[in-house]
C-alpha atoms as a PDB file:
ATOM      1  CA  MET A   1      -0.006  -0.006  -0.008  1.00  0.00           C
ATOM      2  CA  SER A   2       1.441   3.391  -0.939  1.00  0.00           C
ATOM      3  CA  ARG A   3       0.957   6.668   0.859  1.00  0.00           C
ATOM      4  CA  ALA A   4       1.665  10.233  -0.107  1.00  0.00           C
ATOM      5  CA  SER A   5       4.233  12.075   2.004  1.00  0.00           C
ATOM      6  CA  GLY A   6       2.879  14.477   4.538  1.00  0.00           C
ATOM      7  CA  HIS A   7       1.815  14.848   8.108  1.00  0.00           C
ATOM      8  CA  ALA A   8      -1.340  12.744   8.223  1.00  0.00           C
ATOM      9  CA  PRO A   9      -1.572  10.935  11.544  1.00  0.00           C
ATOM     10  CA  VAL A  10      -0.092   7.497  11.855  1.00  0.00           C
ATOM     11  CA  MET A  11      -2.634   4.746  12.564  1.00  0.00           C
ATOM     12  CA  VAL A  12      -1.530   1.783  14.674  1.00  0.00           C
ATOM     13  CA  ALA A  13      -3.772  -1.298  14.506  1.00  0.00           C
ATOM     14  CA  SER A  14      -2.728  -4.081  16.839  1.00  0.00           C
ATOM     15  CA  ASP A  15      -3.964  -7.475  17.955  1.00  0.00           C
ATOM     16  CA  LEU A  16      -4.128  -7.888  21.713  1.00  0.00           C
ATOM     17  CA  ASP A  17      -3.726 -11.439  23.045  1.00  0.00           C
ATOM     18  CA  ARG A  18      -0.180 -12.788  22.671  1.00  0.00           C
ATOM     19  CA  THR A  19       0.764  -9.642  20.785  1.00  0.00           C
ATOM     20  CA  LEU A  20       0.369  -6.878  23.386  1.00  0.00           C
ATOM     21  CA  ILE A  21      -1.149  -8.639  26.414  1.00  0.00           C
ATOM     22  CA  TYR A  22      -0.279 -12.045  27.835  1.00  0.00           C
ATOM     23  CA  SER A  23      -1.681 -14.620  30.216  1.00  0.00           C
ATOM     24  CA  ALA A  24       0.586 -16.045  32.921  1.00  0.00           C
ATOM     25  CA  ASN A  25       1.031 -19.194  30.813  1.00  0.00           C
ATOM     26  CA  SER A  26       2.047 -17.329  27.645  1.00  0.00           C
ATOM     27  CA  MET A  27       4.629 -14.897  29.027  1.00  0.00           C
ATOM     28  CA  GLY A  28       7.578 -16.996  27.950  1.00  0.00           C
ATOM     29  CA  LEU A  29       9.925 -15.493  30.527  1.00  0.00           C
ATOM     30  CA  LEU A  30      13.450 -16.931  30.674  1.00  0.00           C
ATOM     31  CA  GLY A  31      16.132 -16.525  33.284  1.00  0.00           C
ATOM     32  CA  ASP A  32      15.873 -16.091  37.034  1.00  0.00           C
ATOM     33  CA  ASP A  33      12.677 -14.777  38.584  1.00  0.00           C
ATOM     34  CA  HIS A  34      14.410 -11.724  40.008  1.00  0.00           C
ATOM     35  CA  GLN A  35      15.298 -10.658  36.444  1.00  0.00           C
ATOM     36  CA  ALA A  36      11.671 -10.631  35.282  1.00  0.00           C
ATOM     37  CA  PRO A  37      10.306  -7.262  34.115  1.00  0.00           C
ATOM     38  CA  ARG A  38       7.808  -5.384  36.230  1.00  0.00           C
ATOM     39  CA  MET A  39       4.228  -6.145  35.190  1.00  0.00           C
ATOM     40  CA  VAL A  40       0.861  -4.419  35.162  1.00  0.00           C
ATOM     41  CA  VAL A  41      -2.499  -6.162  35.093  1.00  0.00           C
ATOM     42  CA  SER A  42      -4.337  -5.602  31.802  1.00  0.00           C
ATOM     43  CA  GLU A  43      -7.390  -7.760  32.464  1.00  0.00           C
ATOM     44  CA  VAL A  44      -9.321  -9.080  35.468  1.00  0.00           C
ATOM     45  CA  TYR A  45     -11.750 -12.003  35.166  1.00  0.00           C
ATOM     46  CA  ASP A  46     -13.879 -13.322  38.027  1.00  0.00           C
ATOM     47  CA  GLY A  47     -11.987 -11.144  40.443  1.00  0.00           C
ATOM     48  CA  ALA A  48      -8.546 -12.480  39.482  1.00  0.00           C
ATOM     49  CA  PRO A  49      -5.839 -11.027  37.212  1.00  0.00           C
ATOM     50  CA  LEU A  50      -5.820 -12.774  33.834  1.00  0.00           C
ATOM     51  CA  SER A  51      -3.742 -10.797  31.337  1.00  0.00           C
ATOM     52  CA  PHE A  52      -0.636  -8.686  31.720  1.00  0.00           C
ATOM     53  CA  MET A  53       1.863  -6.490  29.949  1.00  0.00           C
ATOM     54  CA  THR A  54       5.179  -5.152  31.147  1.00  0.00           C
ATOM     55  CA  ARG A  55       5.154  -1.801  32.866  1.00  0.00           C
ATOM     56  CA  ALA A  56       7.444  -0.418  30.202  1.00  0.00           C
ATOM     57  CA  ALA A  57       5.019  -1.631  27.490  1.00  0.00           C
ATOM     58  CA  GLU A  58       2.114   0.182  29.128  1.00  0.00           C
ATOM     59  CA  GLU A  59       4.132   3.405  29.293  1.00  0.00           C
ATOM     60  CA  LEU A  60       5.078   3.045  25.619  1.00  0.00           C
ATOM     61  CA  LEU A  61       1.475   2.403  24.621  1.00  0.00           C
ATOM     62  CA  ALA A  62       0.385   5.554  26.476  1.00  0.00           C
ATOM     63  CA  GLY A  63       2.944   7.508  24.436  1.00  0.00           C
ATOM     64  CA  ILE A  64       1.692   5.961  21.210  1.00  0.00           C
ATOM     65  CA  VAL A  65      -1.905   6.901  22.024  1.00  0.00           C
ATOM     66  CA  GLU A  66      -0.804  10.503  22.553  1.00  0.00           C
ATOM     67  CA  ARG A  67       0.997  10.685  19.204  1.00  0.00           C
ATOM     68  CA  GLY A  68      -1.091   8.625  16.799  1.00  0.00           C
ATOM     69  CA  ILE A  69      -4.398   6.797  16.243  1.00  0.00           C
ATOM     70  CA  PHE A  70      -4.295   3.528  18.147  1.00  0.00           C
ATOM     71  CA  VAL A  71      -6.914   0.897  17.223  1.00  0.00           C
ATOM     72  CA  PRO A  72      -7.183  -2.335  19.255  1.00  0.00           C
ATOM     73  CA  VAL A  73      -8.047  -5.204  16.902  1.00  0.00           C
ATOM     74  CA  THR A  74      -9.161  -8.461  18.512  1.00  0.00           C
ATOM     75  CA  THR A  75     -10.954 -11.748  17.961  1.00  0.00           C
ATOM     76  CA  ARG A  76     -12.467 -11.286  21.429  1.00  0.00           C
ATOM     77  CA  THR A  77     -16.188 -10.621  21.680  1.00  0.00           C
ATOM     78  CA  ARG A  78     -17.367  -7.231  22.914  1.00  0.00           C
ATOM     79  CA  ALA A  79     -17.883  -8.638  26.423  1.00  0.00           C
ATOM     80  CA  GLN A  80     -14.393 -10.157  26.505  1.00  0.00           C
ATOM     81  CA  PHE A  81     -12.853  -6.987  25.128  1.00  0.00           C
ATOM     82  CA  SER A  82     -14.588  -4.865  27.738  1.00  0.00           C
ATOM     83  CA  ARG A  83     -12.507  -6.568  30.455  1.00  0.00           C
ATOM     84  CA  VAL A  84      -9.250  -5.299  28.968  1.00  0.00           C
ATOM     85  CA  ARG A  85      -7.820  -2.154  30.498  1.00  0.00           C
ATOM     86  CA  LEU A  86      -5.291  -0.268  28.416  1.00  0.00           C
ATOM     87  CA  PRO A  87      -4.097   3.359  28.590  1.00  0.00           C
ATOM     88  CA  VAL A  88      -6.428   4.440  25.775  1.00  0.00           C
ATOM     89  CA  SER A  89      -9.279   6.891  25.473  1.00  0.00           C
ATOM     90  CA  GLU A  90     -12.902   5.768  25.556  1.00  0.00           C
ATOM     91  CA  LYS A  91     -13.294   7.779  22.375  1.00  0.00           C
ATOM     92  CA  GLY A  92     -12.123   6.419  19.047  1.00  0.00           C
ATOM     93  CA  TYR A  93     -12.271   3.119  17.215  1.00  0.00           C
ATOM     94  CA  ALA A  94     -11.804  -0.518  18.155  1.00  0.00           C
ATOM     95  CA  VAL A  95     -12.381  -3.786  16.303  1.00  0.00           C
ATOM     96  CA  THR A  96     -13.801  -6.809  18.089  1.00  0.00           C
ATOM     97  CA  THR A  97     -15.193 -10.229  17.149  1.00  0.00           C
ATOM     98  CA  ASN A  98     -12.492 -10.599  14.483  1.00  0.00           C
ATOM     99  CA  GLY A  99     -13.864  -7.660  12.518  1.00  0.00           C
ATOM    100  CA  ALA A 100     -17.567  -8.440  12.700  1.00  0.00           C
ATOM    101  CA  VAL A 101     -18.010  -5.540  15.162  1.00  0.00           C
ATOM    102  CA  LEU A 102     -16.585  -2.049  14.568  1.00  0.00           C
ATOM    103  CA  LEU A 103     -16.809   0.062  17.721  1.00  0.00           C
ATOM    104  CA  CYS A 104     -16.922   3.856  17.517  1.00  0.00           C
ATOM    105  CA  ASP A 105     -16.645   5.607  20.908  1.00  0.00           C
ATOM    106  CA  GLY A 106     -17.590   2.307  22.533  1.00  0.00           C
ATOM    107  CA  GLU A 107     -20.731   1.670  20.487  1.00  0.00           C
ATOM    108  CA  PRO A 108     -21.131  -0.769  17.574  1.00  0.00           C
ATOM    109  CA  ASP A 109     -21.477   0.745  14.106  1.00  0.00           C
ATOM    110  CA  THR A 110     -24.801  -0.626  12.858  1.00  0.00           C
ATOM    111  CA  ASP A 111     -24.056   0.092   9.186  1.00  0.00           C
ATOM    112  CA  TRP A 112     -20.889  -1.949   9.399  1.00  0.00           C
ATOM    113  CA  SER A 113     -22.723  -4.812  11.131  1.00  0.00           C
ATOM    114  CA  LYS A 114     -25.382  -4.881   8.394  1.00  0.00           C
ATOM    115  CA  ARG A 115     -22.698  -4.955   5.710  1.00  0.00           C
ATOM    116  CA  ILE A 116     -20.994  -7.923   7.372  1.00  0.00           C
ATOM    117  CA  ASP A 117     -24.286  -9.780   7.854  1.00  0.00           C
ATOM    118  CA  ARG A 118     -25.166  -9.381   4.174  1.00  0.00           C
ATOM    119  CA  SER A 119     -21.805 -10.704   3.022  1.00  0.00           C
ATOM    120  CA  VAL A 120     -21.913 -13.713   5.300  1.00  0.00           C
ATOM    121  CA  ALA A 121     -25.489 -14.609   4.306  1.00  0.00           C
ATOM    122  CA  ALA A 122     -24.586 -14.376   0.590  1.00  0.00           C
ATOM    123  CA  ASP A 123     -21.267 -16.228   0.591  1.00  0.00           C
ATOM    124  CA  CYS A 124     -21.049 -18.611   3.558  1.00  0.00           C
ATOM    125  CA  ALA A 125     -22.624 -21.757   4.937  1.00  0.00           C
ATOM    126  CA  PRO A 126     -24.708 -21.117   8.036  1.00  0.00           C
ATOM    127  CA  LEU A 127     -23.070 -21.105  11.436  1.00  0.00           C
ATOM    128  CA  SER A 128     -25.225 -24.090  12.481  1.00  0.00           C
ATOM    129  CA  GLU A 129     -23.573 -26.290   9.831  1.00  0.00           C
ATOM    130  CA  VAL A 130     -20.065 -25.525  11.087  1.00  0.00           C
ATOM    131  CA  LEU A 131     -21.173 -25.934  14.691  1.00  0.00           C
ATOM    132  CA  SER A 132     -22.539 -29.397  13.848  1.00  0.00           C
ATOM    133  CA  ARG A 133     -19.217 -30.343  12.264  1.00  0.00           C
ATOM    134  CA  LEU A 134     -17.395 -29.572  15.499  1.00  0.00           C
ATOM    135  CA  THR A 135     -19.922 -31.200  17.843  1.00  0.00           C
ATOM    136  CA  GLY A 136     -21.554 -33.984  15.790  1.00  0.00           C
ATOM    137  CA  SER A 137     -20.367 -37.391  14.616  1.00  0.00           C
ATOM    138  CA  ALA A 138     -17.264 -35.938  12.935  1.00  0.00           C
ATOM    139  CA  ALA A 139     -16.127 -34.228  16.148  1.00  0.00           C
ATOM    140  CA  SER A 140     -12.804 -35.202  17.717  1.00  0.00           C
ATOM    141  CA  SER A 141     -12.482 -36.179  21.364  1.00  0.00           C
ATOM    142  CA  ALA A 142      -9.703 -33.584  21.524  1.00  0.00           C
ATOM    143  CA  ILE A 143     -12.361 -30.861  21.261  1.00  0.00           C
ATOM    144  CA  LEU A 144     -13.195 -30.082  24.877  1.00  0.00           C
ATOM    145  CA  ARG A 145     -15.711 -27.236  24.538  1.00  0.00           C
ATOM    146  CA  VAL A 146     -17.339 -25.356  21.653  1.00  0.00           C
ATOM    147  CA  ARG A 147     -18.614 -21.792  21.826  1.00  0.00           C
ATOM    148  CA  THR A 148     -20.098 -19.233  19.436  1.00  0.00           C
ATOM    149  CA  ALA A 149     -18.993 -15.609  19.391  1.00  0.00           C
ATOM    150  CA  GLU A 150     -22.026 -13.349  19.205  1.00  0.00           C
ATOM    151  CA  ASP A 151     -23.484 -15.698  16.558  1.00  0.00           C
ATOM    152  CA  HIS A 152     -20.744 -14.607  14.137  1.00  0.00           C
ATOM    153  CA  PHE A 153     -18.251 -17.466  14.342  1.00  0.00           C
ATOM    154  CA  VAL A 154     -17.353 -20.647  16.246  1.00  0.00           C
ATOM    155  CA  TYR A 155     -14.355 -21.465  18.408  1.00  0.00           C
ATOM    156  CA  ALA A 156     -13.391 -24.591  20.303  1.00  0.00           C
ATOM    157  CA  ILE A 157     -11.126 -25.243  23.275  1.00  0.00           C
ATOM    158  CA  VAL A 158      -8.928 -28.197  22.271  1.00  0.00           C
ATOM    159  CA  ASP A 159      -6.317 -30.505  23.701  1.00  0.00           C
ATOM    160  CA  ARG A 160      -3.636 -29.946  21.088  1.00  0.00           C
ATOM    161  CA  HIS A 161      -1.704 -33.044  22.086  1.00  0.00           C
ATOM    162  CA  GLU A 162      -4.772 -35.223  21.410  1.00  0.00           C
ATOM    163  CA  LEU A 163      -5.751 -33.696  18.071  1.00  0.00           C
ATOM    164  CA  PRO A 164      -5.551 -36.399  15.403  1.00  0.00           C
ATOM    165  CA  LEU A 165      -2.818 -35.974  12.807  1.00  0.00           C
ATOM    166  CA  GLY A 166      -4.231 -33.961   9.900  1.00  0.00           C
ATOM    167  CA  TYR A 167      -7.453 -32.983  11.700  1.00  0.00           C
ATOM    168  CA  VAL A 168      -6.949 -29.239  11.420  1.00  0.00           C
ATOM    169  CA  GLU A 169      -5.879 -29.501   7.758  1.00  0.00           C
ATOM    170  CA  GLU A 170      -8.951 -31.590   6.949  1.00  0.00           C
ATOM    171  CA  LEU A 171     -11.222 -29.176   8.800  1.00  0.00           C
ATOM    172  CA  THR A 172      -9.626 -26.256   6.970  1.00  0.00           C
ATOM    173  CA  VAL A 173     -10.427 -27.778   3.570  1.00  0.00           C
ATOM    174  CA  TRP A 174     -13.989 -28.581   4.687  1.00  0.00           C
ATOM    175  CA  CYS A 175     -14.473 -25.001   5.938  1.00  0.00           C
ATOM    176  CA  ASN A 176     -12.910 -23.366   2.876  1.00  0.00           C
ATOM    177  CA  THR A 177     -15.405 -25.081   0.560  1.00  0.00           C
ATOM    178  CA  ARG A 178     -18.183 -23.489   2.650  1.00  0.00           C
ATOM    179  CA  GLY A 179     -16.786 -19.985   2.771  1.00  0.00           C
ATOM    180  CA  TRP A 180     -15.161 -20.297   6.198  1.00  0.00           C
ATOM    181  CA  THR A 181     -11.568 -20.037   7.424  1.00  0.00           C
ATOM    182  CA  THR A 182      -9.747 -21.722  10.324  1.00  0.00           C
ATOM    183  CA  SER A 183      -7.002 -20.742  12.769  1.00  0.00           C
ATOM    184  CA  LEU A 184      -5.415 -22.665  15.647  1.00  0.00           C
ATOM    185  CA  GLN A 185      -4.115 -20.342  18.388  1.00  0.00           C
ATOM    186  CA  GLY A 186      -2.834 -21.980  21.529  1.00  0.00           C
ATOM    187  CA  ARG A 187      -5.741 -24.066  22.829  1.00  0.00           C
ATOM    188  CA  LYS A 188      -8.358 -22.288  20.689  1.00  0.00           C
ATOM    189  CA  LEU A 189      -9.471 -23.492  17.266  1.00  0.00           C
ATOM    190  CA  TYR A 190     -11.382 -20.824  15.344  1.00  0.00           C
ATOM    191  CA  CYS A 191     -13.798 -21.259  12.455  1.00  0.00           C
ATOM    192  CA  VAL A 192     -14.729 -17.889  10.965  1.00  0.00           C
ATOM    193  CA  PRO A 193     -16.772 -16.858   7.886  1.00  0.00           C
ATOM    194  CA  ALA A 194     -14.391 -15.551   5.219  1.00  0.00           C
ATOM    195  CA  PRO A 195     -16.006 -12.066   5.010  1.00  0.00           C
ATOM    196  CA  ILE A 196     -15.373 -11.502   8.737  1.00  0.00           C
ATOM    197  CA  THR A 197     -11.805 -10.233   8.816  1.00  0.00           C
ATOM    198  CA  LYS A 198      -9.798  -7.851  10.882  1.00  0.00           C
ATOM    199  CA  GLU A 199      -8.321  -6.253   7.781  1.00  0.00           C
ATOM    200  CA  SER A 200     -11.660  -5.210   6.310  1.00  0.00           C
ATOM    201  CA  ALA A 201     -12.565  -3.339   9.516  1.00  0.00           C
ATOM    202  CA  VAL A 202      -9.079  -1.799   9.781  1.00  0.00           C
ATOM    203  CA  LYS A 203      -9.281  -0.633   6.170  1.00  0.00           C
ATOM    204  CA  GLU A 204     -12.607   1.038   6.882  1.00  0.00           C
ATOM    205  CA  ILE A 205     -11.289   2.836   9.963  1.00  0.00           C
ATOM    206  CA  HIS A 206      -8.197   3.946   8.057  1.00  0.00           C
ATOM    207  CA  ARG A 207     -10.485   5.468   5.400  1.00  0.00           C
ATOM    208  CA  ARG A 208     -12.674   7.202   7.952  1.00  0.00           C
ATOM    209  CA  THR A 209      -9.840   8.709   9.951  1.00  0.00           C
ATOM    210  CA  GLY A 210      -7.852   9.930   6.961  1.00  0.00           C
ATOM    211  CA  ALA A 211      -4.711   8.505   8.542  1.00  0.00           C
ATOM    212  CA  GLY A 212      -1.447   8.239   6.641  1.00  0.00           C
ATOM    213  CA  LEU A 213       1.058   5.547   7.523  1.00  0.00           C
ATOM    214  CA  LEU A 214      -0.617   2.336   8.682  1.00  0.00           C
ATOM    215  CA  VAL A 215       1.239   0.212  11.243  1.00  0.00           C
ATOM    216  CA  ALA A 216      -0.033  -3.211  12.295  1.00  0.00           C
ATOM    217  CA  ALA A 217       0.986  -6.009  14.672  1.00  0.00           C
ATOM    218  CA  GLY A 218      -0.295  -9.514  15.249  1.00  0.00           C
ATOM    219  CA  ASP A 219       0.743 -13.109  15.925  1.00  0.00           C
ATOM    220  CA  SER A 220      -1.882 -15.375  14.311  1.00  0.00           C
ATOM    221  CA  LYS A 221      -3.285 -16.409  10.933  1.00  0.00           C
ATOM    222  CA  LEU A 222      -6.274 -14.200  11.675  1.00  0.00           C
ATOM    223  CA  ASP A 223      -3.855 -11.248  11.866  1.00  0.00           C
ATOM    224  CA  ALA A 224      -2.130 -11.943   8.535  1.00  0.00           C
ATOM    225  CA  GLY A 225      -4.550  -9.707   6.668  1.00  0.00           C
ATOM    226  CA  ILE A 226      -3.772  -6.589   8.706  1.00  0.00           C
ATOM    227  CA  LEU A 227      -0.073  -7.284   8.383  1.00  0.00           C
ATOM    228  CA  GLN A 228      -0.438  -7.478   4.606  1.00  0.00           C
ATOM    229  CA  LEU A 229      -2.530  -4.300   4.579  1.00  0.00           C
ATOM    230  CA  ALA A 230      -0.060  -2.278   6.628  1.00  0.00           C
ATOM    231  CA  ASP A 231       2.794  -0.132   5.417  1.00  0.00           C
ATOM    232  CA  VAL A 232       4.841  -1.260   8.411  1.00  0.00           C
ATOM    233  CA  ALA A 233       4.093  -4.562  10.147  1.00  0.00           C
ATOM    234  CA  PHE A 234       5.393  -6.403  13.190  1.00  0.00           C
ATOM    235  CA  ARG A 235       4.890  -9.882  14.553  1.00  0.00           C
ATOM    236  CA  PRO A 236       6.306 -11.525  17.673  1.00  0.00           C
ATOM    237  CA  ALA A 237       8.769 -14.407  17.438  1.00  0.00           C
ATOM    238  CA  HIS A 238       6.119 -16.831  18.674  1.00  0.00           C
ATOM    239  CA  GLY A 239       2.640 -17.993  17.770  1.00  0.00           C
ATOM    240  CA  GLU A 240       0.893 -19.360  14.700  1.00  0.00           C
ATOM    241  CA  LEU A 241       2.648 -17.109  12.187  1.00  0.00           C
ATOM    242  CA  GLU A 242       6.050 -17.868  13.710  1.00  0.00           C
ATOM    243  CA  SER A 243       5.394 -21.612  13.380  1.00  0.00           C
ATOM    244  CA  ALA A 244       4.503 -21.059   9.724  1.00  0.00           C
ATOM    245  CA  GLY A 245       7.619 -18.932   9.078  1.00  0.00           C
ATOM    246  CA  TYR A 246       5.339 -16.117   7.891  1.00  0.00           C
ATOM    247  CA  SER A 247       7.216 -13.257   6.203  1.00  0.00           C
ATOM    248  CA  LEU A 248       6.564 -10.075   4.224  1.00  0.00           C
ATOM    249  CA  PRO A 249       8.909  -7.396   2.852  1.00  0.00           C
ATOM    250  CA  SER A 250       7.322  -4.842   5.180  1.00  0.00           C
ATOM    251  CA  LEU A 251       7.324  -7.180   8.208  1.00  0.00           C
ATOM    252  CA  THR A 252       9.716  -7.125  11.144  1.00  0.00           C
ATOM    253  CA  VAL A 253       9.868 -10.088  13.505  1.00  0.00           C
ATOM    254  CA  THR A 254      10.811  -9.313  17.088  1.00  0.00           C
ATOM    255  CA  GLU A 255      14.035 -10.490  18.623  1.00  0.00           C
ATOM    256  CA  ALA A 256      12.223 -11.384  21.819  1.00  0.00           C
ATOM    257  CA  ALA A 257       9.390 -13.844  22.342  1.00  0.00           C
ATOM    258  CA  GLY A 258       6.598 -13.866  24.896  1.00  0.00           C
ATOM    259  CA  VAL A 259       5.620 -10.762  26.866  1.00  0.00           C
ATOM    260  CA  LEU A 260       8.887  -9.046  26.035  1.00  0.00           C
ATOM    261  CA  ALA A 261       7.994  -9.258  22.317  1.00  0.00           C
ATOM    262  CA  GLY A 262       4.950  -7.116  23.059  1.00  0.00           C
ATOM    263  CA  GLU A 263       7.196  -4.530  24.693  1.00  0.00           C
ATOM    264  CA  GLU A 264       9.594  -4.646  21.740  1.00  0.00           C
ATOM    265  CA  ILE A 265       6.804  -4.029  19.243  1.00  0.00           C
ATOM    266  CA  LEU A 266       5.528  -1.032  21.198  1.00  0.00           C
ATOM    267  CA  ARG A 267       9.030   0.342  21.545  1.00  0.00           C
ATOM    268  CA  ARG A 268       9.572   0.219  17.774  1.00  0.00           C
ATOM    269  CA  VAL A 269       6.188   1.814  17.121  1.00  0.00           C
ATOM    270  CA  TYR A 270       6.867   4.525  19.689  1.00  0.00           C
ATOM    271  CA  ASN A 271      10.193   5.273  18.001  1.00  0.00           C
ATOM    272  CA  LEU A 272       8.337   5.691  14.713  1.00  0.00           C
ATOM    273  CA  LEU A 273       6.048   8.337  16.225  1.00  0.00           C
ATOM    274  CA  THR A 274       8.585  10.457  18.115  1.00  0.00           C
ATOM    275  CA  ASP A 275       9.540  13.886  16.889  1.00  0.00           C
ATOM    276  CA  ASP A 276      12.981  12.915  15.600  1.00  0.00           C
ATOM    277  CA  ALA A 277      11.617  10.118  13.384  1.00  0.00           C
ATOM    278  CA  PRO A 278      11.718  10.897   9.633  1.00  0.00           C
ATOM    279  CA  ARG A 279       8.721  12.767   8.237  1.00  0.00           C
ATOM    280  CA  ASP A 280       8.905  11.388   4.719  1.00  0.00           C
ATOM    281  CA  PHE A 281       6.749   8.301   4.211  1.00  0.00           C
ATOM    282  CA  ALA A 282       9.393   6.062   2.667  1.00  0.00           C
ATOM    283  CA  ASP A 283      11.998   7.091   5.210  1.00  0.00           C
ATOM    284  CA  ARG A 284       9.592   6.408   8.077  1.00  0.00           C
ATOM    285  CA  ARG A 285       8.911   2.921   6.768  1.00  0.00           C
ATOM    286  CA  ALA A 286      12.618   2.164   6.471  1.00  0.00           C
ATOM    287  CA  PHE A 287      13.268   3.685   9.888  1.00  0.00           C
ATOM    288  CA  ALA A 288      10.650   1.530  11.611  1.00  0.00           C
ATOM    289  CA  THR A 289      11.853  -1.769  10.198  1.00  0.00           C
ATOM    290  CA  ALA A 290      15.621  -1.275  10.208  1.00  0.00           C
ATOM    291  CA  PRO A 291      17.469  -3.787  12.425  1.00  0.00           C
ATOM    292  CA  GLY A 292      19.359  -0.950  14.080  1.00  0.00           C
ATOM    293  CA  ALA A 293      16.326   1.258  14.639  1.00  0.00           C
ATOM    294  CA  ARG A 294      16.847   3.820  17.387  1.00  0.00           C
ATOM    295  CA  ARG A 295      15.932   2.526  20.800  1.00  0.00           C
ATOM    296  CA  LEU A 296      14.020   4.561  23.339  1.00  0.00           C
ATOM    297  CA  GLU A 297      16.319   5.420  26.210  1.00  0.00           C
ATOM    298  CA  GLU A 298      15.887   2.976  29.029  1.00  0.00           C
ATOM    299  CA  THR A 299      13.652   4.273  31.756  1.00  0.00           C
ATOM    300  CA  ILE A 300      13.511   2.924  35.270  1.00  0.00           C
ATOM    301  CA  TYR A 301       9.917   2.433  36.304  1.00  0.00           C
ATOM    302  CA  SER A 302       9.100   2.327  39.956  1.00  0.00           C
ATOM    303  CA  ILE A 303       6.416   0.108  41.473  1.00  0.00           C
END
C-alpha cells in the first residue's frame, strides 16, 4: 500500500492477546525470577488477574496513544474486550469479534454490522452447519468445549496433544469449501466466515480517519490480513505465524518472544512516532523496520 508524503496521523492497529497482552502461561519469561520485568494487570476476570503487559510496554502504549491513532483489533467478543484495560481513550475506534464488530466511541457501528451480515449470508454456509461439524459425529475427542462468538463465528477449546494428525488441515479444507476459514491459536481453534476479517474493519477505519502511515501487529493467521494491509508490520517471534515462518517485505519479527515481544513491538512503534523520526513516508517505513532502529532510552519504572 502506498501513501503520499505528509503529516497525516499514523494509525496503529494491533492485535491484543499474545501480541500486546499475555496470560501467565504465555509470558515465555526466561532466566531467574528476580530478572523478570515489572508487570501491570491488563485484564481481570472473576476477580482475578488474567492478562498482563510489562510496565514499560504500558508506558510506551500511552505515548503511542498521545501521538497517533491507536486501534485495538481483537478476535475477542465485545464482552471479553470490555474486560481489557489499556491506557487508551474511551473515544475512538476498536475492532472486536475478528472484525464483525466495529466500535466507535464504545458503540457498535450498525451500518458496518449490516454490511457484514449481508456478506456472510450471501457467501457462507450457516453457522449451524459448522457448529454441527465440531460437535456432531465428525467431532474429535480432543475438542473439549465449543462456543459461538455473538453468533458470528465458532471457536473450540482443544487439547492440542490429542488432536488427530491432519485434523486441522482436513477441517480447513472442509471450511474453505463453505466460505469459512480456520485458525489454531494456543488451545483455541477458530472457524470464521471468510467475510469476517480484521483487515476489512481496519481498512474502513483507516479510510474514515484519513490516517497516513498504517502500522499493524499480530501473531496469528487471523492477523495476517492486517499485516499485509499495513505499510509497516510487526509480529512476535512466537505464535501461529512464527510456526509457519510467515514473512513479508514490510514485516519485522521481534528479537524477543513472549511478553517481552509485546514490549519490543511497542518500543519500535513509539520510536516511529517520536519527533525525531523521519517525516517522509518512505524514510519512516525504512526507519521503523531497520534492524538498528533507534531505541528509546531505558527508563527505570518504579512500582
